[in-house]
Every structure is written in C-alpha cells, then in structure tokens.
Protein backbone atom coordinates (compact mmCIF):
# COMPACT_ATOMS: atom_id res chain seq x y z
CA MET A 1 47.89 2.09 113.37
CA HIS A 2 50.17 1.14 116.25
CA THR A 3 50.13 -2.46 117.34
CA LYS A 4 50.65 -3.37 121.00
CA ARG A 5 53.91 -5.22 121.54
CA THR A 6 53.78 -8.28 123.81
CA ILE A 7 56.68 -9.07 126.10
CA PRO A 8 57.89 -12.72 125.86
CA ALA A 9 57.16 -14.84 128.92
CA ASN A 10 60.74 -15.91 129.23
CA ARG A 11 61.91 -12.25 129.41
CA LEU A 12 59.34 -11.46 132.15
CA LYS A 13 60.55 -14.56 134.08
CA ARG A 14 64.16 -13.43 133.64
CA ASN A 15 63.26 -9.93 134.95
CA ARG A 16 61.53 -11.33 138.00
CA THR A 17 64.53 -13.63 138.67
CA SER A 18 66.98 -10.74 138.40
CA ILE A 19 64.85 -8.60 140.80
CA GLY A 20 64.59 -11.48 143.26
CA ALA A 21 68.32 -12.17 143.04
CA PHE A 22 69.09 -8.49 143.59
CA ALA A 23 66.72 -8.38 146.67
CA PHE A 24 68.32 -11.56 148.08
CA HIS A 25 71.86 -10.15 147.67
CA LEU A 26 70.87 -6.85 149.18
CA ILE A 27 69.34 -8.50 152.27
CA ASN A 28 72.26 -10.89 152.52
CA TYR A 29 75.01 -8.26 152.30
CA THR A 30 73.16 -6.00 154.64
CA PHE A 31 72.75 -8.69 157.27
CA PHE A 32 76.34 -9.87 157.07
CA PHE A 33 77.59 -6.22 157.13
CA LEU A 34 75.59 -5.56 160.34
CA PHE A 35 76.79 -8.82 161.80
CA THR A 36 80.42 -7.87 161.00
CA LEU A 37 79.93 -4.51 162.72
CA LEU A 38 78.42 -6.29 165.67
CA CYS A 39 81.54 -8.52 165.98
CA ILE A 40 84.07 -5.66 165.50
CA TYR A 41 82.42 -3.11 167.76
CA PRO A 42 83.44 -4.69 171.12
CA PHE A 43 87.13 -4.45 170.16
CA TYR A 44 86.62 -0.98 168.76
CA TYR A 45 84.80 0.08 171.92
CA ILE A 46 87.64 -1.21 174.16
CA PHE A 47 90.30 0.51 172.03
CA ILE A 48 88.66 3.94 171.98
CA ASN A 49 88.13 3.74 175.72
CA THR A 50 91.86 3.07 176.32
CA ILE A 51 92.91 6.19 174.46
CA SER A 52 90.12 8.53 175.72
CA ASP A 53 89.74 10.77 178.75
CA ASN A 54 89.70 8.38 181.66
CA GLN A 55 87.17 10.32 183.62
CA LEU A 56 84.70 10.20 180.67
CA THR A 57 85.53 6.49 180.21
CA ALA A 58 84.70 5.76 183.82
CA ARG A 59 81.29 7.39 183.41
CA GLY A 60 80.58 5.42 180.24
CA LEU A 61 80.42 8.56 177.97
CA VAL A 62 82.79 7.20 175.26
CA THR A 63 80.78 4.96 172.89
CA LEU A 64 81.35 5.88 169.20
CA TYR A 65 84.57 7.85 168.96
CA PRO A 66 87.52 8.76 171.23
CA ILE A 67 87.30 11.92 173.31
CA GLY A 68 90.57 13.56 174.66
CA ILE A 69 92.92 11.29 172.98
CA HIS A 70 96.04 10.27 174.92
CA PHE A 71 98.23 7.11 175.27
CA GLU A 72 99.15 7.41 178.86
CA ASN A 73 97.13 4.33 179.78
CA TYR A 74 99.42 2.05 177.79
CA VAL A 75 102.57 3.77 179.19
CA GLN A 76 101.41 3.32 182.81
CA VAL A 77 100.01 -0.28 182.38
CA MET A 78 103.30 -1.47 180.82
CA LYS A 79 104.99 -0.43 184.03
CA ILE A 80 102.90 -2.85 186.08
CA PRO A 81 105.25 -5.20 187.93
CA GLY A 82 105.48 -8.68 186.44
CA LEU A 83 103.64 -7.77 183.14
CA SER A 84 106.75 -8.19 180.93
CA THR A 85 107.63 -11.46 182.58
CA ALA A 86 104.11 -12.68 182.06
CA ALA A 87 104.19 -11.69 178.46
CA LEU A 88 107.43 -13.74 177.92
CA VAL A 89 105.94 -16.76 179.60
CA SER A 90 102.74 -16.46 177.37
CA VAL A 91 104.86 -16.13 174.24
CA GLY A 92 107.04 -18.98 175.25
CA ARG A 93 104.21 -21.38 176.02
CA THR A 94 102.34 -20.39 172.85
CA VAL A 95 105.35 -20.88 170.50
CA LEU A 96 106.67 -24.08 172.08
CA GLY A 97 103.29 -25.59 172.94
CA THR A 98 101.97 -24.95 169.38
CA MET A 99 105.02 -26.41 167.72
CA LEU A 100 104.89 -29.61 169.88
CA THR A 101 101.14 -29.98 169.51
CA VAL A 102 101.17 -29.60 165.71
CA PHE A 103 104.02 -32.00 165.20
CA ALA A 104 102.90 -34.62 167.68
CA SER A 105 99.29 -34.56 166.54
CA ALA A 106 100.35 -34.88 162.91
CA PHE A 107 102.59 -37.83 163.75
CA VAL A 108 99.94 -39.64 165.73
CA SER A 109 97.36 -38.95 162.92
CA TYR A 110 99.78 -40.45 160.50
CA LEU A 111 100.32 -43.60 162.60
CA VAL A 112 96.62 -44.32 162.98
CA THR A 113 96.14 -44.32 159.23
CA LYS A 114 98.56 -47.23 158.88
CA GLN A 115 96.92 -50.63 158.56
CA LYS A 116 99.91 -52.33 160.12
CA MET A 117 99.72 -50.35 163.33
CA TRP A 118 99.02 -52.63 166.28
CA MET A 119 95.36 -52.08 167.43
CA ARG A 120 95.16 -48.80 165.56
CA SER A 121 91.35 -48.64 165.71
CA PHE A 122 91.47 -49.04 169.54
CA TRP A 123 94.15 -46.35 170.04
CA TYR A 124 92.29 -43.94 167.72
CA ARG A 125 89.00 -44.34 169.53
CA PHE A 126 90.77 -44.12 172.83
CA ILE A 127 92.28 -40.75 171.82
CA VAL A 128 88.89 -39.42 170.45
CA ILE A 129 86.88 -40.48 173.46
CA THR A 130 88.96 -38.14 175.67
CA MET A 131 87.27 -35.23 173.94
CA TYR A 132 83.94 -36.15 175.57
CA PHE A 133 84.98 -37.61 178.96
CA ASN A 134 87.53 -36.56 181.61
CA ALA A 135 88.19 -37.39 185.17
CA GLY A 136 87.60 -33.84 186.50
CA ILE A 137 89.72 -31.13 188.08
CA ILE A 138 90.68 -32.88 191.29
CA PRO A 139 92.11 -36.09 189.67
CA TRP A 140 93.80 -33.93 187.06
CA TYR A 141 95.43 -31.78 189.76
CA ILE A 142 96.62 -34.88 191.69
CA LEU A 143 98.11 -36.35 188.49
CA MET A 144 99.92 -33.14 187.69
CA MET A 145 101.24 -32.88 191.21
CA ASN A 146 102.51 -36.47 191.21
CA LEU A 147 104.20 -35.78 187.87
CA GLY A 148 106.03 -32.85 189.41
CA LEU A 149 104.35 -30.37 187.11
CA THR A 150 103.34 -27.81 189.74
CA ASN A 151 105.44 -24.60 189.44
CA ASN A 152 106.97 -26.10 186.34
CA PHE A 153 106.86 -24.37 182.92
CA PHE A 154 106.38 -27.74 181.17
CA ALA A 155 102.96 -27.97 182.72
CA TYR A 156 101.95 -25.57 180.03
CA VAL A 157 103.08 -27.63 177.08
CA LEU A 158 103.29 -31.33 178.00
CA PRO A 159 99.57 -32.15 178.81
CA GLY A 160 98.35 -30.77 175.48
CA ILE A 161 100.92 -32.23 173.12
CA VAL A 162 98.40 -34.57 171.45
CA SER A 163 95.12 -32.85 170.84
CA PRO A 164 92.29 -35.30 169.99
CA PHE A 165 90.49 -32.63 167.90
CA CYS A 166 93.68 -31.99 165.90
CA VAL A 167 94.29 -35.65 165.43
CA VAL A 168 90.76 -36.10 163.91
CA LEU A 169 91.35 -33.13 161.54
CA VAL A 170 94.83 -34.22 160.38
CA LYS A 171 93.94 -37.96 160.10
CA THR A 172 90.99 -37.09 157.78
CA TYR A 173 93.30 -34.97 155.72
CA ILE A 174 96.04 -37.59 155.43
CA GLU A 175 93.49 -40.20 154.31
CA SER A 176 92.56 -37.94 151.33
CA ILE A 177 96.24 -37.99 150.07
CA PRO A 178 96.66 -40.55 147.25
CA SER A 179 98.38 -43.66 148.65
CA ALA A 180 100.49 -44.04 145.50
CA MET A 181 102.71 -41.13 146.56
CA GLU A 182 103.72 -42.83 149.71
CA GLU A 183 104.00 -46.32 148.02
CA SER A 184 106.54 -44.95 145.59
CA ALA A 185 108.70 -43.85 148.39
CA GLN A 186 108.23 -47.15 150.14
CA ILE A 187 109.48 -48.94 147.03
CA ASP A 188 112.64 -46.90 147.37
CA SER A 189 113.08 -48.35 150.88
CA ALA A 190 111.89 -45.16 152.70
CA GLY A 191 110.72 -45.92 156.26
CA TYR A 192 107.83 -44.47 158.04
CA TRP A 193 109.76 -41.61 159.51
CA VAL A 194 111.20 -40.51 156.13
CA ARG A 195 107.84 -40.80 154.39
CA PHE A 196 106.15 -38.79 157.17
CA THR A 197 108.66 -36.00 157.16
CA ARG A 198 109.37 -35.65 153.45
CA ILE A 199 106.02 -36.60 151.91
CA ILE A 200 103.11 -36.29 154.33
CA LEU A 201 104.17 -33.15 156.26
CA PRO A 202 104.72 -30.98 153.08
CA LEU A 203 101.42 -32.15 151.63
CA CYS A 204 99.54 -31.33 154.97
CA LEU A 205 100.59 -27.69 155.20
CA PRO A 206 97.00 -26.37 154.79
CA ILE A 207 95.52 -28.43 157.58
CA LEU A 208 98.64 -27.97 159.72
CA ALA A 209 98.28 -24.21 159.38
CA THR A 210 94.67 -24.49 160.60
CA VAL A 211 95.71 -26.71 163.52
CA THR A 212 98.46 -24.11 164.35
CA VAL A 213 95.92 -21.28 164.67
CA PHE A 214 93.61 -23.44 166.87
CA SER A 215 96.51 -24.50 169.12
CA ALA A 216 98.03 -20.99 169.32
CA VAL A 217 94.74 -19.32 170.27
CA TRP A 218 94.10 -21.96 172.86
CA GLN A 219 97.57 -21.68 174.38
CA TRP A 220 97.47 -17.88 174.39
CA ASN A 221 94.00 -17.61 176.06
CA MET A 222 94.59 -20.42 178.72
CA PHE A 223 94.97 -19.28 182.26
CA GLN A 224 93.24 -21.98 184.38
CA ASP A 225 96.39 -24.19 184.53
CA THR A 226 98.17 -21.18 185.92
CA LEU A 227 95.45 -20.72 188.48
CA PHE A 228 95.64 -24.27 189.75
CA LEU A 229 99.29 -25.17 189.30
CA MET A 230 101.41 -22.10 189.66
CA THR A 231 102.28 -20.12 192.85
CA ASP A 232 105.59 -18.79 191.54
CA ARG A 233 104.99 -15.33 190.12
CA LYS A 234 107.73 -15.81 187.53
CA LEU A 235 105.57 -18.45 185.88
CA TYR A 236 102.36 -16.44 185.68
CA THR A 237 100.96 -16.02 182.15
CA LEU A 238 99.64 -12.79 180.64
CA GLN A 239 96.10 -14.06 180.71
CA PHE A 240 96.37 -14.93 184.35
CA VAL A 241 97.72 -11.52 185.15
CA LEU A 242 94.80 -10.03 183.24
CA TYR A 243 92.41 -12.17 185.26
CA ARG A 244 93.95 -10.98 188.51
CA TYR A 245 94.04 -7.34 187.48
CA ILE A 246 90.52 -7.35 186.40
CA ASN A 247 89.53 -8.61 189.81
CA GLN A 248 91.85 -6.08 191.57
CA SER A 249 91.48 -3.14 189.10
CA THR A 250 90.45 -0.73 191.80
CA ALA A 251 93.54 -1.28 193.95
CA LEU A 252 95.74 -1.37 190.91
CA ALA A 253 94.45 1.93 189.62
CA THR A 254 95.24 3.44 193.10
CA ILE A 255 98.80 2.09 192.91
CA ILE A 256 99.34 3.41 189.40
CA LYS A 257 97.94 6.83 190.42
CA ASN A 258 100.21 7.06 193.35
CA THR A 259 103.32 6.20 191.18
CA GLN A 260 102.47 8.97 188.78
CA GLY A 261 103.55 11.62 191.24
CA ALA A 262 101.80 14.68 192.45
CA VAL A 263 103.25 17.25 190.04
CA THR A 264 100.94 18.62 187.35
CA ILE A 265 98.58 15.72 187.33
CA ASP A 266 96.36 15.55 184.19
CA LEU A 267 92.93 14.32 185.50
CA SER A 268 92.09 13.00 182.05
CA ALA A 269 95.06 10.58 182.18
CA VAL A 270 94.61 9.54 185.91
CA GLN A 271 94.10 5.80 185.99
CA THR A 272 90.68 4.43 186.91
CA PRO A 273 89.57 0.80 187.44
CA THR A 274 87.79 0.93 184.05
CA SER A 275 90.92 2.27 182.12
CA VAL A 276 93.08 -0.33 183.73
CA ARG A 277 90.73 -3.20 182.84
CA MET A 278 90.26 -2.03 179.21
CA THR A 279 93.97 -1.33 178.63
CA VAL A 280 95.24 -4.68 179.95
CA THR A 281 92.46 -6.43 177.94
CA MET A 282 93.62 -4.67 174.70
CA ILE A 283 97.25 -5.54 175.39
CA VAL A 284 96.37 -9.18 175.79
CA VAL A 285 94.01 -9.49 172.86
CA ALA A 286 96.12 -7.41 170.38
CA PRO A 287 98.68 -10.17 169.40
CA ILE A 288 95.91 -12.57 168.39
CA LEU A 289 94.07 -9.89 166.49
CA PHE A 290 97.12 -9.18 164.42
CA VAL A 291 98.12 -12.85 163.83
CA TYR A 292 94.65 -14.39 163.23
CA PRO A 293 93.78 -12.70 159.84
CA PHE A 294 97.07 -14.05 158.24
CA PHE A 295 96.00 -17.68 158.92
CA GLN A 296 92.28 -17.38 158.36
CA ARG A 297 92.57 -18.10 154.61
CA TYR A 298 93.80 -21.64 155.50
CA PHE A 299 90.63 -22.47 157.52
CA VAL A 300 88.26 -23.44 154.73
CA GLY A 301 90.90 -25.13 152.60
CA GLY A 302 92.42 -26.87 155.54
CA ILE A 303 89.16 -28.28 157.04
CA MET A 304 87.19 -28.97 153.85
CA ILE A 305 89.92 -30.77 151.92
CA GLY A 306 89.58 -34.43 152.85
CA ALA A 307 86.25 -33.87 154.60
CA VAL A 308 84.34 -35.46 151.73
CA LYS A 309 85.70 -38.77 150.53
CA GLY A 310 84.85 -40.82 147.57
C-alpha cells in the first residue's frame, strides 16, 4: 500500500517565497527596462532622423529605424558660419569653469569645516542661502555690467566659481574623513594649504569627480548668460547658437540649400528646418553623452560617502 507523502510546511513557504521573489524581479526588471528605453529613445530618434532621408524626416515618417541613410546633414551643418568658434568657446568655458568651480568649492568647503575659522557658521549659511534666494535678472545684469563682464569671456567662469550645492556636498564628505589624518600632518608643522592640497584633495577624489560632472554639464548646457551679456558673435557659445538656429531653422535651411549648388541635387539630402534642428541638437548633445557614462560610477560613491554620519 502506498502512503501519501506530506510536504513540509517550511518547504511550501520556501517555494511560495521563491515564486514571489521571481515575480517581483520579473516586474522590476521589466519596468526598468521599459523606463530605460523611454529615456534612450529620444536620443535615438534624433540620431536616426539626422542620417535619414530629409524629405521623409520632415514628414515625420522616420520613427524606428533610419531610411535612406546619408551623412550630408553633418557635413553641411558643420559649414554653418560661427559654429566652430562657438564650439571652442563652449569647450573653453566648460574646461576652465569646471576646474575653477571644483577647486574653489573644495577649498571653501574645507575652510568652513575648520573650528578656528572666523564666523564659519555664518559664512556657511550665507553661502547656502543663495541656493534659495536671488536678486533677480535685472539686478544681476546691472551687477555684471558694472563689473565689466559684458562681452567678456570671464563672465562665463567667474560668477559660478563657488557653487553652494557643491560646497554642501564636499563639506559633508570632508567631515567624514578621520581628523587624525590631518592632525598628524599638523604635528609635522603642515599649514592649512599643505594639508588641503596633499591630504584632503586626494581623499576627496570621488566627490570631486561627482562635482566635476555636475559643473561640466551645467557649463556646457548654459546659454542664458550669453543671451543677456554677449553681443559679440565671437563669444557666442554652442548652446546659444543652437538656440538661435532652432528659432531660425527655416531661414538657415534655405541658406544651406542655396550653398549646396544647383548641380545634381539629391532631394533626400536637401536641408529642411527639421533636419537642421535635429542635426545641430545632436552635435551639441553628443559630447555630454560620450563623457557622462565614464563619470557616472562616481555618483553613488561620491554622494553617499559621508552622507550618513555616526
């Protein structure tokens, strides 16, 4: 006679747990996969429209894959007057502005952690409060004009040297560094500058990498200061040129079309307002897309270390 076997309760519970965990992971991965596609698709859509038949692109017929692939859009857009100069200005302000912001914000953060600093709590709160309150555009413009920063390249880098948000991040990180490391250098007669450059800065590389990305992205994408302060075309940034060309894309497409000549014109490569807008957008966004992934791994480590104390 066969006896009916009973399954232990703990085994049933373990099976139910594994099924529930599998269902949770399946839903979780599916959701984030779809969310990732949702984030990537706009860039993919712009790119395939820049290399597709311009006539089909103008009619909105290119959505999932490129049709009539060509790269004439990039060749023609790179010939736009002033684009190369604007690219140099954007690269210059991004590199110089980022370097100054990272170093100055780190040094100010280090100073406000020192108990001996005169009125350090007041100065720290004074810096932080500027994140929430400002005088407005008109007083800002009057100040910049009185400082002689109109039609001046330094208007791109000087106002943002000390970033309150970066100061908060770096200060929190520095406070998580064991004080014994700095005290040992102080015993050897090392001053504040030596301790900052030789001990604090090397230990702050993760948070400084995070601050570098934040500052570089902000500098690269900024165009409002150009709009208000610059009338000299030689000081236009790439983002401002993009802003102007998007607003004037119809006229610009006509100019490019006329410069292509009348001999054997390929209609699929004839510039349209849509092709100009998307191609210029891709040229401006591409540098950040290539640089951003290399620094992304520092984000979590840079922000979370020192966020919890005790």
